[in-house]
Amino acid sequence: MFEFDLGNTFNYANLAGLMAPRPFMVERGHNDGVAPTEWVAYEYAKVGRLYAFLGIPERTEIEFFNGPHEINGDGTFDFLHRHLNWPKPAAAGSGQ
């Protein structure tokens, strides 16, 4: 989670807060290697509190998964379908 000189200006929660009230989703692989999971959880907790304060806690989520720095997608695609009104693809063999 290190960016050049970011810490002297603002933090990740500040950046995410600028996105409110838009939906905001984080995926976090426990083997990411960029920063400890606890740091990610700490920053995300600030975002969760902001969205709760704004009365829109359902518009933000974090998904932890066992894996490296990659797109996991399990919860993320559901989040995108829900918040972007993006239809889910028809199940294989459904004839649609």
PDB file of N, CA and C in Angstrom:
ATOM      1  N   MET A   1       0.811  -1.196   0.000  1.00  0.00           N
ATOM      2  CA  MET A   1       0.000   0.000   0.000  1.00  0.00           C
ATOM      3  C   MET A   1       0.851   1.254   0.000  1.00  0.00           C
ATOM      4  N   PHE A   2       2.065   1.173  -0.435  1.00  0.00           N
ATOM      5  CA  PHE A   2       2.933   2.345  -0.424  1.00  0.00           C
ATOM      6  C   PHE A   2       2.866   3.070  -1.758  1.00  0.00           C
ATOM      7  N   GLU A   3       2.681   4.352  -1.714  1.00  0.00           N
ATOM      8  CA  GLU A   3       2.718   5.225  -2.880  1.00  0.00           C
ATOM      9  C   GLU A   3       3.662   6.364  -2.530  1.00  0.00           C
ATOM     10  N   PHE A   4       4.418   6.840  -3.474  1.00  0.00           N
ATOM     11  CA  PHE A   4       5.380   7.891  -3.200  1.00  0.00           C
ATOM     12  C   PHE A   4       4.706   9.112  -2.588  1.00  0.00           C
ATOM     13  N   ASP A   5       5.138   9.478  -1.402  1.00  0.00           N
ATOM     14  CA  ASP A   5       4.724  10.687  -0.685  1.00  0.00           C
ATOM     15  C   ASP A   5       3.227  10.754  -0.373  1.00  0.00           C
ATOM     16  N   LEU A   6       2.517   9.672  -0.539  1.00  0.00           N
ATOM     17  CA  LEU A   6       1.082   9.675  -0.265  1.00  0.00           C
ATOM     18  C   LEU A   6       0.794   9.973   1.196  1.00  0.00           C
ATOM     19  N   GLY A   7       1.576   9.380   2.094  1.00  0.00           N
ATOM     20  CA  GLY A   7       1.325   9.538   3.525  1.00  0.00           C
ATOM     21  C   GLY A   7       1.471  10.954   4.036  1.00  0.00           C
ATOM     22  N   ASN A   8       2.204  11.787   3.318  1.00  0.00           N
ATOM     23  CA  ASN A   8       2.353  13.183   3.732  1.00  0.00           C
ATOM     24  C   ASN A   8       1.210  14.052   3.235  1.00  0.00           C
ATOM     25  N   THR A   9       0.358  13.498   2.423  1.00  0.00           N
ATOM     26  CA  THR A   9      -0.736  14.276   1.845  1.00  0.00           C
ATOM     27  C   THR A   9      -2.092  13.777   2.323  1.00  0.00           C
ATOM     28  N   PHE A  10      -2.357  12.501   2.127  1.00  0.00           N
ATOM     29  CA  PHE A  10      -3.616  11.883   2.537  1.00  0.00           C
ATOM     30  C   PHE A  10      -3.426  10.377   2.559  1.00  0.00           C
ATOM     31  N   ASN A  11      -4.436   9.655   3.006  1.00  0.00           N
ATOM     32  CA  ASN A  11      -4.324   8.197   3.070  1.00  0.00           C
ATOM     33  C   ASN A  11      -5.377   7.558   2.158  1.00  0.00           C
ATOM     34  N   TYR A  12      -5.348   6.250   2.097  1.00  0.00           N
ATOM     35  CA  TYR A  12      -6.271   5.539   1.210  1.00  0.00           C
ATOM     36  C   TYR A  12      -7.733   5.760   1.583  1.00  0.00           C
ATOM     37  N   ALA A  13      -8.020   5.852   2.863  1.00  0.00           N
ATOM     38  CA  ALA A  13      -9.402   6.105   3.285  1.00  0.00           C
ATOM     39  C   ALA A  13      -9.865   7.474   2.800  1.00  0.00           C
ATOM     40  N   ASN A  14      -8.969   8.466   2.819  1.00  0.00           N
ATOM     41  CA  ASN A  14      -9.326   9.784   2.298  1.00  0.00           C
ATOM     42  C   ASN A  14      -9.676   9.703   0.816  1.00  0.00           C
ATOM     43  N   LEU A  15      -8.873   8.986   0.059  1.00  0.00           N
ATOM     44  CA  LEU A  15      -9.152   8.828  -1.374  1.00  0.00           C
ATOM     45  C   LEU A  15     -10.480   8.114  -1.607  1.00  0.00           C
ATOM     46  N   ALA A  16     -10.708   7.047  -0.873  1.00  0.00           N
ATOM     47  CA  ALA A  16     -11.959   6.304  -1.020  1.00  0.00           C
ATOM     48  C   ALA A  16     -13.149   7.162  -0.617  1.00  0.00           C
ATOM     49  N   GLY A  17     -12.979   7.985   0.399  1.00  0.00           N
ATOM     50  CA  GLY A  17     -14.051   8.863   0.850  1.00  0.00           C
ATOM     51  C   GLY A  17     -14.485   9.849  -0.217  1.00  0.00           C
ATOM     52  N   LEU A  18     -13.566  10.223  -1.096  1.00  0.00           N
ATOM     53  CA  LEU A  18     -13.922  11.128  -2.185  1.00  0.00           C
ATOM     54  C   LEU A  18     -14.887  10.481  -3.174  1.00  0.00           C
ATOM     55  N   MET A  19     -14.941   9.168  -3.161  1.00  0.00           N
ATOM     56  CA  MET A  19     -15.846   8.446  -4.066  1.00  0.00           C
ATOM     57  C   MET A  19     -17.275   8.401  -3.541  1.00  0.00           C
ATOM     58  N   ALA A  20     -17.445   8.599  -2.252  1.00  0.00           N
ATOM     59  CA  ALA A  20     -18.787   8.552  -1.656  1.00  0.00           C
ATOM     60  C   ALA A  20     -19.656   9.629  -2.288  1.00  0.00           C
ATOM     61  N   PRO A  21     -20.905   9.338  -2.559  1.00  0.00           N
ATOM     62  CA  PRO A  21     -21.704   8.190  -2.145  1.00  0.00           C
ATOM     63  C   PRO A  21     -21.704   7.036  -3.149  1.00  0.00           C
ATOM     64  N   ARG A  22     -20.785   7.060  -4.114  1.00  0.00           N
ATOM     65  CA  ARG A  22     -20.742   5.971  -5.096  1.00  0.00           C
ATOM     66  C   ARG A  22     -20.356   4.655  -4.426  1.00  0.00           C
ATOM     67  N   PRO A  23     -20.782   3.539  -4.976  1.00  0.00           N
ATOM     68  CA  PRO A  23     -20.387   2.237  -4.427  1.00  0.00           C
ATOM     69  C   PRO A  23     -18.866   2.057  -4.467  1.00  0.00           C
ATOM     70  N   PHE A  24     -18.334   1.414  -3.427  1.00  0.00           N
ATOM     71  CA  PHE A  24     -16.891   1.216  -3.301  1.00  0.00           C
ATOM     72  C   PHE A  24     -16.622  -0.189  -2.782  1.00  0.00           C
ATOM     73  N   MET A  25     -15.822  -0.948  -3.517  1.00  0.00           N
ATOM     74  CA  MET A  25     -15.522  -2.345  -3.170  1.00  0.00           C
ATOM     75  C   MET A  25     -14.019  -2.556  -3.144  1.00  0.00           C
ATOM     76  N   VAL A  26     -13.553  -3.318  -2.160  1.00  0.00           N
ATOM     77  CA  VAL A  26     -12.138  -3.685  -2.042  1.00  0.00           C
ATOM     78  C   VAL A  26     -12.035  -5.201  -2.020  1.00  0.00           C
ATOM     79  N   GLU A  27     -11.098  -5.731  -2.779  1.00  0.00           N
ATOM     80  CA  GLU A  27     -10.729  -7.142  -2.690  1.00  0.00           C
ATOM     81  C   GLU A  27      -9.342  -7.202  -2.067  1.00  0.00           C
ATOM     82  N   ARG A  28      -9.158  -8.144  -1.157  1.00  0.00           N
ATOM     83  CA  ARG A  28      -7.864  -8.247  -0.476  1.00  0.00           C
ATOM     84  C   ARG A  28      -7.430  -9.702  -0.381  1.00  0.00           C
ATOM     85  N   GLY A  29      -6.377 -10.053  -1.105  1.00  0.00           N
ATOM     86  CA  GLY A  29      -5.788 -11.379  -0.991  1.00  0.00           C
ATOM     87  C   GLY A  29      -4.829 -11.403   0.189  1.00  0.00           C
ATOM     88  N   HIS A  30      -4.967 -12.391   1.048  1.00  0.00           N
ATOM     89  CA  HIS A  30      -4.113 -12.460   2.239  1.00  0.00           C
ATOM     90  C   HIS A  30      -2.634 -12.616   1.892  1.00  0.00           C
ATOM     91  N   ASN A  31      -2.323 -13.116   0.714  1.00  0.00           N
ATOM     92  CA  ASN A  31      -0.929 -13.275   0.294  1.00  0.00           C
ATOM     93  C   ASN A  31      -0.524 -12.201  -0.706  1.00  0.00           C
ATOM     94  N   ASP A  32      -1.151 -11.043  -0.617  1.00  0.00           N
ATOM     95  CA  ASP A  32      -0.933  -9.954  -1.560  1.00  0.00           C
ATOM     96  C   ASP A  32       0.523  -9.501  -1.590  1.00  0.00           C
ATOM     97  N   GLY A  33       1.123  -9.297  -0.432  1.00  0.00           N
ATOM     98  CA  GLY A  33       2.511  -8.868  -0.376  1.00  0.00           C
ATOM     99  C   GLY A  33       2.718  -7.376  -0.498  1.00  0.00           C
ATOM    100  N   VAL A  34       1.685  -6.614  -0.819  1.00  0.00           N
ATOM    101  CA  VAL A  34       1.829  -5.162  -0.928  1.00  0.00           C
ATOM    102  C   VAL A  34       1.823  -4.520   0.447  1.00  0.00           C
ATOM    103  N   ALA A  35       0.947  -4.966   1.310  1.00  0.00           N
ATOM    104  CA  ALA A  35       0.859  -4.441   2.677  1.00  0.00           C
ATOM    105  C   ALA A  35       0.197  -5.502   3.548  1.00  0.00           C
ATOM    106  N   PRO A  36       0.432  -5.452   4.845  1.00  0.00           N
ATOM    107  CA  PRO A  36      -0.220  -6.415   5.742  1.00  0.00           C
ATOM    108  C   PRO A  36      -1.748  -6.282   5.699  1.00  0.00           C
ATOM    109  N   THR A  37      -2.427  -7.394   5.821  1.00  0.00           N
ATOM    110  CA  THR A  37      -3.887  -7.414   5.818  1.00  0.00           C
ATOM    111  C   THR A  37      -4.445  -6.470   6.874  1.00  0.00           C
ATOM    112  N   GLU A  38      -3.794  -6.386   8.023  1.00  0.00           N
ATOM    113  CA  GLU A  38      -4.271  -5.514   9.106  1.00  0.00           C
ATOM    114  C   GLU A  38      -4.285  -4.050   8.683  1.00  0.00           C
ATOM    115  N   TRP A  39      -3.317  -3.625   7.880  1.00  0.00           N
ATOM    116  CA  TRP A  39      -3.294  -2.238   7.404  1.00  0.00           C
ATOM    117  C   TRP A  39      -4.477  -1.965   6.479  1.00  0.00           C
ATOM    118  N   VAL A  40      -4.740  -2.925   5.605  1.00  0.00           N
ATOM    119  CA  VAL A  40      -5.868  -2.784   4.679  1.00  0.00           C
ATOM    120  C   VAL A  40      -7.175  -2.712   5.467  1.00  0.00           C
ATOM    121  N   ALA A  41      -7.336  -3.597   6.440  1.00  0.00           N
ATOM    122  CA  ALA A  41      -8.554  -3.614   7.258  1.00  0.00           C
ATOM    123  C   ALA A  41      -8.709  -2.307   8.028  1.00  0.00           C
ATOM    124  N   TYR A  42      -7.602  -1.767   8.536  1.00  0.00           N
ATOM    125  CA  TYR A  42      -7.631  -0.505   9.286  1.00  0.00           C
ATOM    126  C   TYR A  42      -8.103   0.649   8.399  1.00  0.00           C
ATOM    127  N   GLU A  43      -7.544   0.752   7.206  1.00  0.00           N
ATOM    128  CA  GLU A  43      -7.951   1.821   6.286  1.00  0.00           C
ATOM    129  C   GLU A  43      -9.395   1.632   5.841  1.00  0.00           C
ATOM    130  N   TYR A  44      -9.763   0.389   5.529  1.00  0.00           N
ATOM    131  CA  TYR A  44     -11.126   0.144   5.072  1.00  0.00           C
ATOM    132  C   TYR A  44     -12.148   0.438   6.171  1.00  0.00           C
ATOM    133  N   ALA A  45     -11.806   0.191   7.420  1.00  0.00           N
ATOM    134  CA  ALA A  45     -12.731   0.473   8.527  1.00  0.00           C
ATOM    135  C   ALA A  45     -13.128   1.944   8.536  1.00  0.00           C
ATOM    136  N   LYS A  46     -12.207   2.817   8.180  1.00  0.00           N
ATOM    137  CA  LYS A  46     -12.521   4.256   8.104  1.00  0.00           C
ATOM    138  C   LYS A  46     -13.559   4.515   7.010  1.00  0.00           C
ATOM    139  N   VAL A  47     -13.405   3.836   5.896  1.00  0.00           N
ATOM    140  CA  VAL A  47     -14.360   3.980   4.789  1.00  0.00           C
ATOM    141  C   VAL A  47     -15.729   3.463   5.213  1.00  0.00           C
ATOM    142  N   GLY A  48     -15.751   2.306   5.854  1.00  0.00           N
ATOM    143  CA  GLY A  48     -17.012   1.742   6.331  1.00  0.00           C
ATOM    144  C   GLY A  48     -17.732   2.674   7.290  1.00  0.00           C
ATOM    145  N   ARG A  49     -16.971   3.308   8.176  1.00  0.00           N
ATOM    146  CA  ARG A  49     -17.587   4.257   9.123  1.00  0.00           C
ATOM    147  C   ARG A  49     -18.150   5.469   8.394  1.00  0.00           C
ATOM    148  N   LEU A  50     -17.432   5.967   7.380  1.00  0.00           N
ATOM    149  CA  LEU A  50     -17.925   7.112   6.612  1.00  0.00           C
ATOM    150  C   LEU A  50     -19.231   6.761   5.905  1.00  0.00           C
ATOM    151  N   TYR A  51     -19.266   5.633   5.237  1.00  0.00           N
ATOM    152  CA  TYR A  51     -20.481   5.226   4.529  1.00  0.00           C
ATOM    153  C   TYR A  51     -21.634   5.004   5.510  1.00  0.00           C
ATOM    154  N   ALA A  52     -21.345   4.463   6.683  1.00  0.00           N
ATOM    155  CA  ALA A  52     -22.391   4.291   7.702  1.00  0.00           C
ATOM    156  C   ALA A  52     -22.889   5.649   8.180  1.00  0.00           C
ATOM    157  N   PHE A  53     -21.975   6.589   8.399  1.00  0.00           N
ATOM    158  CA  PHE A  53     -22.348   7.937   8.824  1.00  0.00           C
ATOM    159  C   PHE A  53     -23.253   8.593   7.783  1.00  0.00           C
ATOM    160  N   LEU A  54     -22.973   8.342   6.509  1.00  0.00           N
ATOM    161  CA  LEU A  54     -23.782   8.907   5.425  1.00  0.00           C
ATOM    162  C   LEU A  54     -25.101   8.163   5.226  1.00  0.00           C
ATOM    163  N   GLY A  55     -25.296   7.068   5.973  1.00  0.00           N
ATOM    164  CA  GLY A  55     -26.535   6.300   5.872  1.00  0.00           C
ATOM    165  C   GLY A  55     -26.579   5.356   4.683  1.00  0.00           C
ATOM    166  N   ILE A  56     -25.398   5.026   4.136  1.00  0.00           N
ATOM    167  CA  ILE A  56     -25.342   4.154   2.958  1.00  0.00           C
ATOM    168  C   ILE A  56     -24.330   3.009   3.157  1.00  0.00           C
ATOM    169  N   PRO A  57     -24.387   2.324   4.287  1.00  0.00           N
ATOM    170  CA  PRO A  57     -23.380   1.280   4.533  1.00  0.00           C
ATOM    171  C   PRO A  57     -23.435   0.129   3.530  1.00  0.00           C
ATOM    172  N   GLU A  58     -24.578  -0.057   2.874  1.00  0.00           N
ATOM    173  CA  GLU A  58     -24.710  -1.146   1.901  1.00  0.00           C
ATOM    174  C   GLU A  58     -23.954  -0.862   0.605  1.00  0.00           C
ATOM    175  N   ARG A  59     -23.434   0.341   0.453  1.00  0.00           N
ATOM    176  CA  ARG A  59     -22.723   0.695  -0.779  1.00  0.00           C
ATOM    177  C   ARG A  59     -21.220   0.431  -0.716  1.00  0.00           C
ATOM    178  N   THR A  60     -20.757  -0.146   0.367  1.00  0.00           N
ATOM    179  CA  THR A  60     -19.334  -0.467   0.439  1.00  0.00           C
ATOM    180  C   THR A  60     -19.124  -1.846   1.042  1.00  0.00           C
ATOM    181  N   GLU A  61     -18.127  -2.552   0.521  1.00  0.00           N
ATOM    182  CA  GLU A  61     -17.800  -3.901   0.995  1.00  0.00           C
ATOM    183  C   GLU A  61     -16.308  -4.143   0.841  1.00  0.00           C
ATOM    184  N   ILE A  62     -15.816  -5.057   1.658  1.00  0.00           N
ATOM    185  CA  ILE A  62     -14.464  -5.579   1.484  1.00  0.00           C
ATOM    186  C   ILE A  62     -14.570  -7.092   1.465  1.00  0.00           C
ATOM    187  N   GLU A  63     -13.807  -7.700   0.593  1.00  0.00           N
ATOM    188  CA  GLU A  63     -13.781  -9.159   0.513  1.00  0.00           C
ATOM    189  C   GLU A  63     -12.346  -9.627   0.699  1.00  0.00           C
ATOM    190  N   PHE A  64     -12.133 -10.409   1.751  1.00  0.00           N
ATOM    191  CA  PHE A  64     -10.836 -11.026   1.992  1.00  0.00           C
ATOM    192  C   PHE A  64     -10.855 -12.420   1.379  1.00  0.00           C
ATOM    193  N   PHE A  65      -9.754 -12.820   0.770  1.00  0.00           N
ATOM    194  CA  PHE A  65      -9.665 -14.165   0.206  1.00  0.00           C
ATOM    195  C   PHE A  65      -8.234 -14.669   0.336  1.00  0.00           C
ATOM    196  N   ASN A  66      -8.079 -15.965   0.304  1.00  0.00           N
ATOM    197  CA  ASN A  66      -6.750 -16.573   0.336  1.00  0.00           C
ATOM    198  C   ASN A  66      -6.199 -16.572  -1.075  1.00  0.00           C
ATOM    199  N   GLY A  67      -5.187 -15.758  -1.276  1.00  0.00           N
ATOM    200  CA  GLY A  67      -4.588 -15.677  -2.604  1.00  0.00           C
ATOM    201  C   GLY A  67      -3.649 -14.505  -2.700  1.00  0.00           C
ATOM    202  N   PRO A  68      -2.977 -14.362  -3.846  1.00  0.00           N
ATOM    203  CA  PRO A  68      -2.034 -13.274  -4.059  1.00  0.00           C
ATOM    204  C   PRO A  68      -2.736 -12.006  -4.554  1.00  0.00           C
ATOM    205  N   HIS A  69      -1.947 -11.076  -5.069  1.00  0.00           N
ATOM    206  CA  HIS A  69      -2.454  -9.831  -5.637  1.00  0.00           C
ATOM    207  C   HIS A  69      -3.076 -10.167  -6.998  1.00  0.00           C
ATOM    208  N   GLU A  70      -4.373 -10.421  -6.986  1.00  0.00           N
ATOM    209  CA  GLU A  70      -5.090 -10.797  -8.201  1.00  0.00           C
ATOM    210  C   GLU A  70      -6.564 -10.463  -8.033  1.00  0.00           C
ATOM    211  N   ILE A  71      -7.289 -10.519  -9.131  1.00  0.00           N
ATOM    212  CA  ILE A  71      -8.735 -10.329  -9.068  1.00  0.00           C
ATOM    213  C   ILE A  71      -9.356 -11.652  -8.655  1.00  0.00           C
ATOM    214  N   ASN A  72     -10.047 -11.642  -7.533  1.00  0.00           N
ATOM    215  CA  ASN A  72     -10.720 -12.841  -7.046  1.00  0.00           C
ATOM    216  C   ASN A  72     -12.103 -12.949  -7.682  1.00  0.00           C
ATOM    217  N   GLY A  73     -12.876 -11.881  -7.593  1.00  0.00           N
ATOM    218  CA  GLY A  73     -14.141 -11.787  -8.299  1.00  0.00           C
ATOM    219  C   GLY A  73     -15.359 -12.398  -7.650  1.00  0.00           C
ATOM    220  N   ASP A  74     -15.199 -13.256  -6.659  1.00  0.00           N
ATOM    221  CA  ASP A  74     -16.369 -13.938  -6.087  1.00  0.00           C
ATOM    222  C   ASP A  74     -17.429 -12.949  -5.618  1.00  0.00           C
ATOM    223  N   GLY A  75     -17.097 -12.103  -4.692  1.00  0.00           N
ATOM    224  CA  GLY A  75     -18.046 -11.116  -4.190  1.00  0.00           C
ATOM    225  C   GLY A  75     -18.120  -9.878  -5.055  1.00  0.00           C
ATOM    226  N   THR A  76     -17.044  -9.607  -5.777  1.00  0.00           N
ATOM    227  CA  THR A  76     -16.979  -8.381  -6.566  1.00  0.00           C
ATOM    228  C   THR A  76     -18.002  -8.364  -7.687  1.00  0.00           C
ATOM    229  N   PHE A  77     -18.147  -9.472  -8.384  1.00  0.00           N
ATOM    230  CA  PHE A  77     -19.115  -9.489  -9.481  1.00  0.00           C
ATOM    231  C   PHE A  77     -20.544  -9.332  -8.959  1.00  0.00           C
ATOM    232  N   ASP A  78     -20.867  -9.932  -7.827  1.00  0.00           N
ATOM    233  CA  ASP A  78     -22.186  -9.721  -7.218  1.00  0.00           C
ATOM    234  C   ASP A  78     -22.373  -8.249  -6.861  1.00  0.00           C
ATOM    235  N   PHE A  79     -21.329  -7.631  -6.312  1.00  0.00           N
ATOM    236  CA  PHE A  79     -21.364  -6.211  -5.953  1.00  0.00           C
ATOM    237  C   PHE A  79     -21.632  -5.365  -7.202  1.00  0.00           C
ATOM    238  N   LEU A  80     -20.926  -5.651  -8.285  1.00  0.00           N
ATOM    239  CA  LEU A  80     -21.121  -4.900  -9.527  1.00  0.00           C
ATOM    240  C   LEU A  80     -22.521  -5.108 -10.092  1.00  0.00           C
ATOM    241  N   HIS A  81     -22.997  -6.334 -10.099  1.00  0.00           N
ATOM    242  CA  HIS A  81     -24.356  -6.599 -10.588  1.00  0.00           C
ATOM    243  C   HIS A  81     -25.381  -5.823  -9.765  1.00  0.00           C
ATOM    244  N   ARG A  82     -25.198  -5.803  -8.470  1.00  0.00           N
ATOM    245  CA  ARG A  82     -26.147  -5.150  -7.560  1.00  0.00           C
ATOM    246  C   ARG A  82     -26.134  -3.628  -7.724  1.00  0.00           C
ATOM    247  N   HIS A  83     -24.954  -3.034  -7.794  1.00  0.00           N
ATOM    248  CA  HIS A  83     -24.869  -1.571  -7.769  1.00  0.00           C
ATOM    249  C   HIS A  83     -24.881  -0.910  -9.142  1.00  0.00           C
ATOM    250  N   LEU A  84     -24.578  -1.654 -10.177  1.00  0.00           N
ATOM    251  CA  LEU A  84     -24.598  -1.084 -11.523  1.00  0.00           C
ATOM    252  C   LEU A  84     -25.815  -1.524 -12.320  1.00  0.00           C
ATOM    253  N   ASN A  85     -26.708  -2.260 -11.645  1.00  0.00           N
ATOM    254  CA  ASN A  85     -27.874  -2.829 -12.334  1.00  0.00           C
ATOM    255  C   ASN A  85     -27.436  -3.580 -13.586  1.00  0.00           C
ATOM    256  N   TRP A  86     -26.350  -4.284 -13.439  1.00  0.00           N
ATOM    257  CA  TRP A  86     -25.740  -5.058 -14.504  1.00  0.00           C
ATOM    258  C   TRP A  86     -26.324  -6.461 -14.434  1.00  0.00           C
ATOM    259  N   PRO A  87     -27.069  -6.904 -15.449  1.00  0.00           N
ATOM    260  CA  PRO A  87     -27.710  -8.217 -15.360  1.00  0.00           C
ATOM    261  C   PRO A  87     -26.694  -9.348 -15.284  1.00  0.00           C
ATOM    262  N   LYS A  88     -27.026 -10.335 -14.479  1.00  0.00           N
ATOM    263  CA  LYS A  88     -26.175 -11.519 -14.384  1.00  0.00           C
ATOM    264  C   LYS A  88     -26.358 -12.349 -15.646  1.00  0.00           C
ATOM    265  N   PRO A  89     -25.289 -12.994 -16.106  1.00  0.00           N
ATOM    266  CA  PRO A  89     -25.438 -13.843 -17.295  1.00  0.00           C
ATOM    267  C   PRO A  89     -26.331 -15.037 -16.998  1.00  0.00           C
ATOM    268  N   ALA A  90     -26.993 -15.500 -18.021  1.00  0.00           N
ATOM    269  CA  ALA A  90     -27.854 -16.679 -17.866  1.00  0.00           C
ATOM    270  C   ALA A  90     -26.990 -17.883 -17.526  1.00  0.00           C
ATOM    271  N   ALA A  91     -27.517 -18.746 -16.699  1.00  0.00           N
ATOM    272  CA  ALA A  91     -26.791 -19.965 -16.323  1.00  0.00           C
ATOM    273  C   ALA A  91     -26.606 -20.850 -17.549  1.00  0.00           C
ATOM    274  N   ALA A  92     -25.487 -21.539 -17.602  1.00  0.00           N
ATOM    275  CA  ALA A  92     -25.213 -22.440 -18.722  1.00  0.00           C
ATOM    276  C   ALA A  92     -26.317 -23.492 -18.825  1.00  0.00           C
ATOM    277  N   GLY A  93     -26.794 -23.707 -20.027  1.00  0.00           N
ATOM    278  CA  GLY A  93     -27.823 -24.715 -20.246  1.00  0.00           C
ATOM    279  C   GLY A  93     -29.227 -24.248 -19.926  1.00  0.00           C
ATOM    280  N   SER A  94     -29.408 -22.932 -19.659  1.00  0.00           N
ATOM    281  CA  SER A  94     -30.744 -22.445 -19.316  1.00  0.00           C
ATOM    282  C   SER A  94     -31.573 -22.144 -20.561  1.00  0.00           C
ATOM    283  N   GLY A  95     -30.911 -22.158 -21.748  1.00  0.00           N
ATOM    284  CA  GLY A  95     -31.641 -21.921 -22.987  1.00  0.00           C
ATOM    285  C   GLY A  95     -31.906 -20.456 -23.267  1.00  0.00           C
ATOM    286  N   GLN A  96     -31.275 -19.565 -22.514  1.00  0.00           N
ATOM    287  CA  GLN A  96     -31.498 -18.128 -22.747  1.00  0.00           C
ATOM    288  C   GLN A  96     -30.316 -17.498 -23.419  1.00  0.00           C
TER     289      GLN A  96
END
